[in-house]
PDB file of N, CA and C in Angstrom:
ATOM      1  N   MET A   1     -91.850 122.534 -29.986  1.00  0.00           N
ATOM      2  CA  MET A   1     -90.844 122.290 -30.987  1.00  0.00           C
ATOM      3  C   MET A   1     -90.174 120.960 -30.671  1.00  0.00           C
ATOM      4  N   ILE A   2     -89.973 120.155 -31.675  1.00  0.00           N
ATOM      5  CA  ILE A   2     -89.325 118.855 -31.513  1.00  0.00           C
ATOM      6  C   ILE A   2     -88.036 118.869 -32.321  1.00  0.00           C
ATOM      7  N   THR A   3     -86.984 118.321 -31.724  1.00  0.00           N
ATOM      8  CA  THR A   3     -85.693 118.236 -32.409  1.00  0.00           C
ATOM      9  C   THR A   3     -85.047 116.905 -32.052  1.00  0.00           C
ATOM     10  N   GLN A   4     -83.891 116.640 -32.621  1.00  0.00           N
ATOM     11  CA  GLN A   4     -83.202 115.376 -32.361  1.00  0.00           C
ATOM     12  C   GLN A   4     -81.878 115.637 -31.658  1.00  0.00           C
ATOM     13  N   LEU A   5     -81.448 114.644 -30.874  1.00  0.00           N
ATOM     14  CA  LEU A   5     -80.116 114.687 -30.298  1.00  0.00           C
ATOM     15  C   LEU A   5     -79.115 114.406 -31.406  1.00  0.00           C
ATOM     16  N   ILE A   6     -78.033 115.164 -31.434  1.00  0.00           N
ATOM     17  CA  ILE A   6     -76.988 114.920 -32.421  1.00  0.00           C
ATOM     18  C   ILE A   6     -75.738 114.435 -31.701  1.00  0.00           C
ATOM     19  N   LYS A   7     -74.954 113.634 -32.391  1.00  0.00           N
ATOM     20  CA  LYS A   7     -73.740 113.085 -31.801  1.00  0.00           C
ATOM     21  C   LYS A   7     -72.642 114.144 -31.853  1.00  0.00           C
ATOM     22  N   VAL A   8     -72.013 114.360 -30.687  1.00  0.00           N
ATOM     23  CA  VAL A   8     -70.885 115.282 -30.562  1.00  0.00           C
ATOM     24  C   VAL A   8     -69.807 114.520 -29.791  1.00  0.00           C
ATOM     25  N   GLY A   9     -68.919 113.863 -30.507  1.00  0.00           N
ATOM     26  CA  GLY A   9     -67.923 113.013 -29.853  1.00  0.00           C
ATOM     27  C   GLY A   9     -68.631 111.873 -29.145  1.00  0.00           C
ATOM     28  N   ASN A  10     -68.320 111.687 -27.868  1.00  0.00           N
ATOM     29  CA  ASN A  10     -68.987 110.654 -27.066  1.00  0.00           C
ATOM     30  C   ASN A  10     -70.257 111.178 -26.408  1.00  0.00           C
ATOM     31  N   SER A  11     -70.577 112.432 -26.640  1.00  0.00           N
ATOM     32  CA  SER A  11     -71.746 113.055 -26.011  1.00  0.00           C
ATOM     33  C   SER A  11     -72.855 113.245 -27.028  1.00  0.00           C
ATOM     34  N   ARG A  12     -73.925 113.864 -26.602  1.00  0.00           N
ATOM     35  CA  ARG A  12     -75.033 114.212 -27.479  1.00  0.00           C
ATOM     36  C   ARG A  12     -75.319 115.696 -27.288  1.00  0.00           C
ATOM     37  N   GLY A  13     -75.816 116.336 -28.327  1.00  0.00           N
ATOM     38  CA  GLY A  13     -76.129 117.752 -28.254  1.00  0.00           C
ATOM     39  C   GLY A  13     -77.478 118.040 -28.877  1.00  0.00           C
ATOM     40  N   VAL A  14     -77.925 119.264 -28.688  1.00  0.00           N
ATOM     41  CA  VAL A  14     -79.187 119.722 -29.253  1.00  0.00           C
ATOM     42  C   VAL A  14     -78.917 121.042 -29.963  1.00  0.00           C
ATOM     43  N   ARG A  15     -79.391 121.179 -31.180  1.00  0.00           N
ATOM     44  CA  ARG A  15     -79.307 122.457 -31.881  1.00  0.00           C
ATOM     45  C   ARG A  15     -80.470 123.318 -31.417  1.00  0.00           C
ATOM     46  N   ILE A  16     -80.137 124.518 -30.949  1.00  0.00           N
ATOM     47  CA  ILE A  16     -81.180 125.424 -30.472  1.00  0.00           C
ATOM     48  C   ILE A  16     -81.417 126.470 -31.558  1.00  0.00           C
ATOM     49  N   PRO A  17     -82.634 126.553 -32.076  1.00  0.00           N
ATOM     50  CA  PRO A  17     -82.922 127.512 -33.134  1.00  0.00           C
ATOM     51  C   PRO A  17     -82.691 128.962 -32.684  1.00  0.00           C
ATOM     52  N   LYS A  18     -82.239 129.790 -33.609  1.00  0.00           N
ATOM     53  CA  LYS A  18     -81.906 131.180 -33.333  1.00  0.00           C
ATOM     54  C   LYS A  18     -83.036 131.948 -32.636  1.00  0.00           C
ATOM     55  N   PRO A  19     -84.289 131.807 -33.058  1.00  0.00           N
ATOM     56  CA  PRO A  19     -85.359 132.545 -32.359  1.00  0.00           C
ATOM     57  C   PRO A  19     -85.448 132.208 -30.870  1.00  0.00           C
ATOM     58  N   LEU A  20     -85.213 130.950 -30.520  1.00  0.00           N
ATOM     59  CA  LEU A  20     -85.242 130.573 -29.102  1.00  0.00           C
ATOM     60  C   LEU A  20     -84.063 131.178 -28.350  1.00  0.00           C
ATOM     61  N   ILE A  21     -82.907 131.207 -28.984  1.00  0.00           N
ATOM     62  CA  ILE A  21     -81.726 131.802 -28.356  1.00  0.00           C
ATOM     63  C   ILE A  21     -81.977 133.286 -28.098  1.00  0.00           C
ATOM     64  N   GLN A  22     -82.528 133.978 -29.079  1.00  0.00           N
ATOM     65  CA  GLN A  22     -82.799 135.408 -28.926  1.00  0.00           C
ATOM     66  C   GLN A  22     -83.859 135.657 -27.850  1.00  0.00           C
ATOM     67  N   GLU A  23     -84.881 134.851 -27.825  1.00  0.00           N
ATOM     68  CA  GLU A  23     -85.976 135.036 -26.872  1.00  0.00           C
ATOM     69  C   GLU A  23     -85.529 134.807 -25.433  1.00  0.00           C
ATOM     70  N   THR A  24     -84.599 133.872 -25.227  1.00  0.00           N
ATOM     71  CA  THR A  24     -84.167 133.522 -23.868  1.00  0.00           C
ATOM     72  C   THR A  24     -82.942 134.286 -23.404  1.00  0.00           C
ATOM     73  N   GLY A  25     -82.242 134.964 -24.316  1.00  0.00           N
ATOM     74  CA  GLY A  25     -81.055 135.718 -23.928  1.00  0.00           C
ATOM     75  C   GLY A  25     -79.831 134.847 -23.724  1.00  0.00           C
ATOM     76  N   LEU A  26     -79.810 133.656 -24.315  1.00  0.00           N
ATOM     77  CA  LEU A  26     -78.647 132.788 -24.185  1.00  0.00           C
ATOM     78  C   LEU A  26     -77.458 133.409 -24.915  1.00  0.00           C
ATOM     79  N   THR A  27     -76.266 133.217 -24.351  1.00  0.00           N
ATOM     80  CA  THR A  27     -75.041 133.706 -24.972  1.00  0.00           C
ATOM     81  C   THR A  27     -74.078 132.534 -25.090  1.00  0.00           C
ATOM     82  N   GLU A  28     -72.797 132.806 -25.019  1.00  0.00           N
ATOM     83  CA  GLU A  28     -71.787 131.747 -25.154  1.00  0.00           C
ATOM     84  C   GLU A  28     -71.855 130.729 -24.019  1.00  0.00           C
ATOM     85  N   ASP A  29     -71.968 131.217 -22.778  1.00  0.00           N
ATOM     86  CA  ASP A  29     -71.990 130.332 -21.617  1.00  0.00           C
ATOM     87  C   ASP A  29     -73.413 130.222 -21.089  1.00  0.00           C
ATOM     88  N   VAL A  30     -73.790 129.019 -20.708  1.00  0.00           N
ATOM     89  CA  VAL A  30     -75.125 128.770 -20.170  1.00  0.00           C
ATOM     90  C   VAL A  30     -75.008 127.906 -18.916  1.00  0.00           C
ATOM     91  N   ALA A  31     -76.035 127.945 -18.102  1.00  0.00           N
ATOM     92  CA  ALA A  31     -76.133 127.066 -16.936  1.00  0.00           C
ATOM     93  C   ALA A  31     -77.079 125.929 -17.303  1.00  0.00           C
ATOM     94  N   ILE A  32     -76.722 124.720 -16.930  1.00  0.00           N
ATOM     95  CA  ILE A  32     -77.551 123.548 -17.219  1.00  0.00           C
ATOM     96  C   ILE A  32     -77.835 122.831 -15.907  1.00  0.00           C
ATOM     97  N   ARG A  33     -79.109 122.483 -15.695  1.00  0.00           N
ATOM     98  CA  ARG A  33     -79.469 121.728 -14.493  1.00  0.00           C
ATOM     99  C   ARG A  33     -80.597 120.762 -14.836  1.00  0.00           C
ATOM    100  N   VAL A  34     -80.776 119.792 -13.983  1.00  0.00           N
ATOM    101  CA  VAL A  34     -81.828 118.800 -14.171  1.00  0.00           C
ATOM    102  C   VAL A  34     -82.924 119.055 -13.149  1.00  0.00           C
ATOM    103  N   GLU A  35     -84.149 119.085 -13.608  1.00  0.00           N
ATOM    104  CA  GLU A  35     -85.316 119.171 -12.735  1.00  0.00           C
ATOM    105  C   GLU A  35     -86.253 118.041 -13.141  1.00  0.00           C
ATOM    106  N   GLY A  36     -86.328 117.042 -12.277  1.00  0.00           N
ATOM    107  CA  GLY A  36     -87.143 115.866 -12.603  1.00  0.00           C
ATOM    108  C   GLY A  36     -86.584 115.184 -13.834  1.00  0.00           C
ATOM    109  N   GLU A  37     -87.400 115.071 -14.873  1.00  0.00           N
ATOM    110  CA  GLU A  37     -86.948 114.451 -16.122  1.00  0.00           C
ATOM    111  C   GLU A  37     -86.621 115.499 -17.184  1.00  0.00           C
ATOM    112  N   SER A  38     -86.476 116.748 -16.772  1.00  0.00           N
ATOM    113  CA  SER A  38     -86.214 117.837 -17.709  1.00  0.00           C
ATOM    114  C   SER A  38     -84.807 118.387 -17.543  1.00  0.00           C
ATOM    115  N   ILE A  39     -84.220 118.823 -18.631  1.00  0.00           N
ATOM    116  CA  ILE A  39     -82.945 119.524 -18.614  1.00  0.00           C
ATOM    117  C   ILE A  39     -83.255 120.998 -18.858  1.00  0.00           C
ATOM    118  N   ILE A  40     -82.845 121.851 -17.931  1.00  0.00           N
ATOM    119  CA  ILE A  40     -83.110 123.284 -18.008  1.00  0.00           C
ATOM    120  C   ILE A  40     -81.818 123.990 -18.423  1.00  0.00           C
ATOM    121  N   ILE A  41     -81.873 124.750 -19.496  1.00  0.00           N
ATOM    122  CA  ILE A  41     -80.734 125.535 -19.979  1.00  0.00           C
ATOM    123  C   ILE A  41     -81.087 127.002 -19.760  1.00  0.00           C
ATOM    124  N   SER A  42     -80.238 127.716 -19.000  1.00  0.00           N
ATOM    125  CA  SER A  42     -80.520 129.107 -18.644  1.00  0.00           C
ATOM    126  C   SER A  42     -79.322 129.989 -18.958  1.00  0.00           C
ATOM    127  N   PRO A  43     -79.585 131.263 -19.243  1.00  0.00           N
ATOM    128  CA  PRO A  43     -78.459 132.189 -19.398  1.00  0.00           C
ATOM    129  C   PRO A  43     -77.786 132.399 -18.054  1.00  0.00           C
ATOM    130  N   ILE A  44     -76.496 132.640 -18.070  1.00  0.00           N
ATOM    131  CA  ILE A  44     -75.765 132.921 -16.835  1.00  0.00           C
ATOM    132  C   ILE A  44     -75.888 134.412 -16.562  1.00  0.00           C
ATOM    133  N   ARG A  45     -76.376 134.727 -15.393  1.00  0.00           N
ATOM    134  CA  ARG A  45     -76.520 136.122 -15.004  1.00  0.00           C
ATOM    135  C   ARG A  45     -75.613 136.396 -13.804  1.00  0.00           C
ATOM    136  N   SER A  46     -75.062 137.578 -13.776  1.00  0.00           N
ATOM    137  CA  SER A  46     -74.237 137.985 -12.649  1.00  0.00           C
ATOM    138  C   SER A  46     -75.088 137.983 -11.385  1.00  0.00           C
ATOM    139  N   ALA A  47     -74.487 137.605 -10.284  1.00  0.00           N
ATOM    140  CA  ALA A  47     -75.215 137.581  -9.019  1.00  0.00           C
ATOM    141  C   ALA A  47     -75.736 138.959  -8.650  1.00  0.00           C
ATOM    142  N   ARG A  48     -75.071 139.997  -9.131  1.00  0.00           N
ATOM    143  CA  ARG A  48     -75.475 141.367  -8.802  1.00  0.00           C
ATOM    144  C   ARG A  48     -76.091 142.073  -9.997  1.00  0.00           C
ATOM    145  N   SER A  49     -76.521 141.315 -10.961  1.00  0.00           N
ATOM    146  CA  SER A  49     -77.121 141.900 -12.153  1.00  0.00           C
ATOM    147  C   SER A  49     -78.361 142.716 -11.782  1.00  0.00           C
ATOM    148  N   GLY A  50     -78.418 143.945 -12.247  1.00  0.00           N
ATOM    149  CA  GLY A  50     -79.570 144.790 -11.993  1.00  0.00           C
ATOM    150  C   GLY A  50     -79.497 145.597 -10.709  1.00  0.00           C
ATOM    151  N   TRP A  51     -78.476 145.369  -9.889  1.00  0.00           N
ATOM    152  CA  TRP A  51     -78.368 146.089  -8.629  1.00  0.00           C
ATOM    153  C   TRP A  51     -78.235 147.583  -8.850  1.00  0.00           C
ATOM    154  N   GLY A  52     -77.492 147.991  -9.875  1.00  0.00           N
ATOM    155  CA  GLY A  52     -77.291 149.410 -10.147  1.00  0.00           C
ATOM    156  C   GLY A  52     -78.614 150.130 -10.352  1.00  0.00           C
ATOM    157  N   ASP A  53     -79.502 149.522 -11.121  1.00  0.00           N
ATOM    158  CA  ASP A  53     -80.817 150.123 -11.364  1.00  0.00           C
ATOM    159  C   ASP A  53     -81.637 150.200 -10.076  1.00  0.00           C
ATOM    160  N   VAL A  54     -81.545 149.157  -9.258  1.00  0.00           N
ATOM    161  CA  VAL A  54     -82.291 149.136  -8.001  1.00  0.00           C
ATOM    162  C   VAL A  54     -81.778 150.232  -7.069  1.00  0.00           C
ATOM    163  N   PHE A  55     -80.452 150.374  -6.970  1.00  0.00           N
ATOM    164  CA  PHE A  55     -79.889 151.400  -6.099  1.00  0.00           C
ATOM    165  C   PHE A  55     -80.253 152.800  -6.591  1.00  0.00           C
ATOM    166  N   LYS A  56     -80.262 152.988  -7.896  1.00  0.00           N
ATOM    167  CA  LYS A  56     -80.635 154.288  -8.455  1.00  0.00           C
ATOM    168  C   LYS A  56     -82.082 154.613  -8.095  1.00  0.00           C
ATOM    169  N   LYS A  57     -82.956 153.628  -8.219  1.00  0.00           N
ATOM    170  CA  LYS A  57     -84.366 153.834  -7.889  1.00  0.00           C
ATOM    171  C   LYS A  57     -84.536 154.115  -6.391  1.00  0.00           C
ATOM    172  N   MET A  58     -83.766 153.415  -5.543  1.00  0.00           N
ATOM    173  CA  MET A  58     -83.816 153.668  -4.109  1.00  0.00           C
ATOM    174  C   MET A  58     -83.429 155.114  -3.823  1.00  0.00           C
ATOM    175  N   HIS A  59     -82.376 155.606  -4.494  1.00  0.00           N
ATOM    176  CA  HIS A  59     -81.914 156.972  -4.283  1.00  0.00           C
ATOM    177  C   HIS A  59     -82.985 157.973  -4.709  1.00  0.00           C
ATOM    178  N   GLU A  60     -83.605 157.724  -5.855  1.00  0.00           N
ATOM    179  CA  GLU A  60     -84.657 158.620  -6.342  1.00  0.00           C
ATOM    180  C   GLU A  60     -85.830 158.687  -5.373  1.00  0.00           C
ATOM    181  N   ASN A  61     -86.077 157.589  -4.646  1.00  0.00           N
ATOM    182  CA  ASN A  61     -87.180 157.535  -3.681  1.00  0.00           C
ATOM    183  C   ASN A  61     -86.741 157.898  -2.259  1.00  0.00           C
ATOM    184  N   ASN A  62     -85.491 158.411  -2.133  1.00  0.00           N
ATOM    185  CA  ASN A  62     -84.922 158.739  -0.812  1.00  0.00           C
ATOM    186  C   ASN A  62     -84.993 157.552   0.139  1.00  0.00           C
ATOM    187  N   ASP A  63     -84.761 156.371  -0.390  1.00  0.00           N
ATOM    188  CA  ASP A  63     -84.820 155.145   0.400  1.00  0.00           C
ATOM    189  C   ASP A  63     -83.432 154.537   0.570  1.00  0.00           C
ATOM    190  N   ASP A  64     -82.398 155.384   0.467  1.00  0.00           N
ATOM    191  CA  ASP A  64     -81.029 154.875   0.563  1.00  0.00           C
ATOM    192  C   ASP A  64     -80.281 155.507   1.736  1.00  0.00           C
ATOM    193  N   VAL A  65     -80.984 155.723   2.833  1.00  0.00           N
ATOM    194  CA  VAL A  65     -80.366 156.291   4.026  1.00  0.00           C
ATOM    195  C   VAL A  65     -80.093 155.186   5.038  1.00  0.00           C
ATOM    196  N   LEU A  66     -79.086 155.414   5.886  1.00  0.00           N
ATOM    197  CA  LEU A  66     -78.775 154.437   6.926  1.00  0.00           C
ATOM    198  C   LEU A  66     -79.884 154.405   7.960  1.00  0.00           C
ATOM    199  N   ILE A  67     -80.232 153.234   8.391  1.00  0.00           N
ATOM    200  CA  ILE A  67     -81.265 153.077   9.415  1.00  0.00           C
ATOM    201  C   ILE A  67     -80.697 153.454  10.779  1.00  0.00           C
ATOM    202  N   ASP A  68     -79.474 152.995  11.060  1.00  0.00           N
ATOM    203  CA  ASP A  68     -78.808 153.309  12.323  1.00  0.00           C
ATOM    204  C   ASP A  68     -78.005 154.590  12.152  1.00  0.00           C
ATOM    205  N   LYS A  69     -78.316 155.596  12.943  1.00  0.00           N
ATOM    206  CA  LYS A  69     -77.605 156.869  12.841  1.00  0.00           C
ATOM    207  C   LYS A  69     -76.152 156.739  13.276  1.00  0.00           C
ATOM    208  N   ASN A  70     -75.898 156.067  14.395  1.00  0.00           N
ATOM    209  CA  ASN A  70     -74.546 155.921  14.915  1.00  0.00           C
ATOM    210  C   ASN A  70     -74.191 154.438  14.945  1.00  0.00           C
ATOM    211  N   ILE A  71     -73.442 154.000  13.965  1.00  0.00           N
ATOM    212  CA  ILE A  71     -73.113 152.580  13.907  1.00  0.00           C
ATOM    213  C   ILE A  71     -71.705 152.291  14.426  1.00  0.00           C
ATOM    214  N   ARG A  72     -70.981 153.349  14.832  1.00  0.00           N
ATOM    215  CA  ARG A  72     -69.652 153.144  15.404  1.00  0.00           C
ATOM    216  C   ARG A  72     -69.781 152.698  16.846  1.00  0.00           C
ATOM    217  N   SER A  73     -68.814 151.909  17.278  1.00  0.00           N
ATOM    218  CA  SER A  73     -68.780 151.456  18.667  1.00  0.00           C
ATOM    219  C   SER A  73     -67.409 151.767  19.247  1.00  0.00           C
ATOM    220  N   SER A  74     -67.230 151.503  20.519  1.00  0.00           N
ATOM    221  CA  SER A  74     -65.921 151.720  21.137  1.00  0.00           C
ATOM    222  C   SER A  74     -64.872 150.815  20.502  1.00  0.00           C
ATOM    223  N   TRP A  75     -65.300 149.669  20.013  1.00  0.00           N
ATOM    224  CA  TRP A  75     -64.361 148.774  19.340  1.00  0.00           C
ATOM    225  C   TRP A  75     -63.750 149.468  18.121  1.00  0.00           C
ATOM    226  N   ASP A  76     -64.566 150.226  17.386  1.00  0.00           N
ATOM    227  CA  ASP A  76     -64.066 150.941  16.215  1.00  0.00           C
ATOM    228  C   ASP A  76     -62.932 151.890  16.590  1.00  0.00           C
ATOM    229  N   ASP A  77     -63.081 152.577  17.698  1.00  0.00           N
ATOM    230  CA  ASP A  77     -62.078 153.561  18.106  1.00  0.00           C
ATOM    231  C   ASP A  77     -60.861 152.925  18.759  1.00  0.00           C
ATOM    232  N   GLN A  78     -61.038 151.822  19.496  1.00  0.00           N
ATOM    233  CA  GLN A  78     -59.939 151.250  20.274  1.00  0.00           C
ATOM    234  C   GLN A  78     -59.219 150.118  19.540  1.00  0.00           C
ATOM    235  N   GLU A  79     -59.928 149.294  18.789  1.00  0.00           N
ATOM    236  CA  GLU A  79     -59.333 148.106  18.210  1.00  0.00           C
ATOM    237  C   GLU A  79     -59.032 148.222  16.708  1.00  0.00           C
ATOM    238  N   TRP A  80     -59.840 148.947  16.017  1.00  0.00           N
ATOM    239  CA  TRP A  80     -59.729 149.024  14.566  1.00  0.00           C
ATOM    240  C   TRP A  80     -58.663 150.034  14.169  1.00  0.00           C
ATOM    241  N   GLU A  81     -57.847 149.681  13.201  1.00  0.00           N
ATOM    242  CA  GLU A  81     -56.830 150.605  12.719  1.00  0.00           C
ATOM    243  C   GLU A  81     -57.353 151.272  11.459  1.00  0.00           C
ATOM    244  N   TRP A  82     -57.700 152.551  11.579  1.00  0.00           N
ATOM    245  CA  TRP A  82     -58.240 153.309  10.435  1.00  0.00           C
ATOM    246  C   TRP A  82     -57.088 153.826   9.601  1.00  0.00           C
ATOM    247  N   LYS A  83     -57.186 153.694   8.320  1.00  0.00           N
ATOM    248  CA  LYS A  83     -56.114 154.160   7.420  1.00  0.00           C
ATOM    249  C   LYS A  83     -56.615 155.226   6.511  1.00  0.00           C
TER     250      LYS A  83
END
């Protein structure tokens, strides 16, 4: 797809067609970065996006148990103030 830069004040902009917006999941806020001679526009995703589903799947597979049975130390009992 080819489009033109449009003038927006002292800057330039690009109109992104609706089908591309829907396909990429873009919303109000986007991340923009440069890679070589390309400008990459990406949807902003939460750093923890999808974690809930992953944790649920771990639980279903019984893969959400602590590896260390006893993780307390003497420091926990002597130095830490438990509330």
